[in-house]
């Protein structure tokens, strides 16, 4: 099983913990790049896929590093909508 497959399975399992770094890695493997929005962006993050012109926005979790359940559901819905997973 590839690293991408393992991360997709971890994302789809709502009971498993997934860190922001793991999500960023998965999105990069799926063709997304993180948009740097400057000093004033705070914890807001955006990932953009140049091929599909799809944008995913979320807040980087803090003070912890694990994504919340609602964030995982949002990411799953967005990736399924784009037929990426």
Protein backbone atom coordinates (compact mmCIF):
# COMPACT_ATOMS: atom_id res chain seq x y z
CA UNK A 1 0.00 0.00 0.00
CA UNK A 2 1.44 3.36 -1.01
CA UNK A 3 1.86 6.33 1.30
CA UNK A 4 -0.98 8.09 -0.53
CA UNK A 5 -3.30 5.11 0.02
CA UNK A 6 -2.41 4.97 3.71
CA UNK A 7 -3.13 8.69 4.13
CA UNK A 8 -6.44 8.42 2.24
CA UNK A 9 -7.48 5.54 4.50
CA UNK A 10 -6.50 7.57 7.56
CA UNK A 11 -8.56 10.52 6.28
CA UNK A 12 -11.60 8.36 5.56
CA UNK A 13 -11.46 6.77 9.02
CA UNK A 14 -13.12 9.51 11.07
CA UNK A 15 -11.97 7.85 14.31
CA UNK A 16 -8.27 7.93 13.35
CA UNK A 17 -6.20 10.99 14.16
CA UNK A 18 -4.78 12.91 11.21
CA UNK A 19 -2.30 15.73 11.62
CA UNK A 20 -2.22 18.87 9.52
CA UNK A 21 1.18 17.83 8.12
CA UNK A 22 -0.26 14.48 7.01
CA UNK A 23 -3.16 16.26 5.32
CA UNK A 24 -0.79 18.68 3.57
CA UNK A 25 1.29 15.72 2.34
CA UNK A 26 -1.83 13.94 1.07
CA UNK A 27 -3.09 17.01 -0.75
CA UNK A 28 0.32 17.49 -2.39
CA UNK A 29 0.24 13.85 -3.53
CA UNK A 30 -3.22 14.52 -5.01
CA UNK A 31 -1.95 17.47 -7.04
CA UNK A 32 -2.70 20.39 -4.69
CA UNK A 33 -0.23 23.06 -3.67
CA UNK A 34 -0.45 25.23 -0.59
CA UNK A 35 -1.11 28.89 -1.31
CA UNK A 36 0.99 31.25 0.75
CA UNK A 37 -1.19 34.19 1.73
CA UNK A 38 1.30 36.37 3.56
CA UNK A 39 1.90 37.46 7.12
CA UNK A 40 -1.71 38.35 7.94
CA UNK A 41 -3.23 34.96 7.07
CA UNK A 42 -2.78 33.58 10.58
CA UNK A 43 -3.94 29.96 10.72
CA UNK A 44 -5.99 30.14 7.50
CA UNK A 45 -4.66 27.81 4.82
CA UNK A 46 -5.62 27.21 1.20
CA UNK A 47 -4.72 24.40 -1.18
CA UNK A 48 -5.18 24.81 -4.93
CA UNK A 49 -5.13 22.26 -7.73
CA UNK A 50 -3.89 23.89 -10.94
CA UNK A 51 -5.34 21.15 -13.16
CA UNK A 52 -8.90 21.25 -11.83
CA UNK A 53 -8.86 24.85 -10.49
CA UNK A 54 -10.25 23.48 -7.22
CA UNK A 55 -9.61 25.37 -3.98
CA UNK A 56 -9.77 23.92 -0.46
CA UNK A 57 -9.72 26.35 2.47
CA UNK A 58 -9.34 25.44 6.12
CA UNK A 59 -7.83 26.58 9.38
CA UNK A 60 -4.67 24.92 10.57
CA UNK A 61 -5.45 23.38 13.96
CA UNK A 62 -3.87 25.00 17.00
CA UNK A 63 -2.68 24.77 19.67
CA UNK A 64 -2.80 21.04 18.81
CA UNK A 65 -1.92 19.61 15.44
CA UNK A 66 -4.71 17.10 14.83
CA UNK A 67 -7.59 17.90 12.49
CA UNK A 68 -11.03 18.12 14.00
CA UNK A 69 -13.78 15.75 12.83
CA UNK A 70 -15.66 18.50 10.99
CA UNK A 71 -12.47 19.41 9.09
CA UNK A 72 -11.98 15.80 7.99
CA UNK A 73 -15.60 15.60 6.83
CA UNK A 74 -15.18 18.83 4.86
CA UNK A 75 -11.99 17.59 3.18
CA UNK A 76 -13.57 14.22 2.35
CA UNK A 77 -16.62 15.92 0.83
CA UNK A 78 -14.47 18.28 -1.25
CA UNK A 79 -12.20 15.50 -2.54
CA UNK A 80 -15.15 13.23 -3.35
CA UNK A 81 -16.91 16.09 -5.13
CA UNK A 82 -13.83 16.48 -7.34
CA UNK A 83 -13.65 12.65 -7.75
CA UNK A 84 -10.11 12.61 -6.39
CA UNK A 85 -10.89 9.93 -3.82
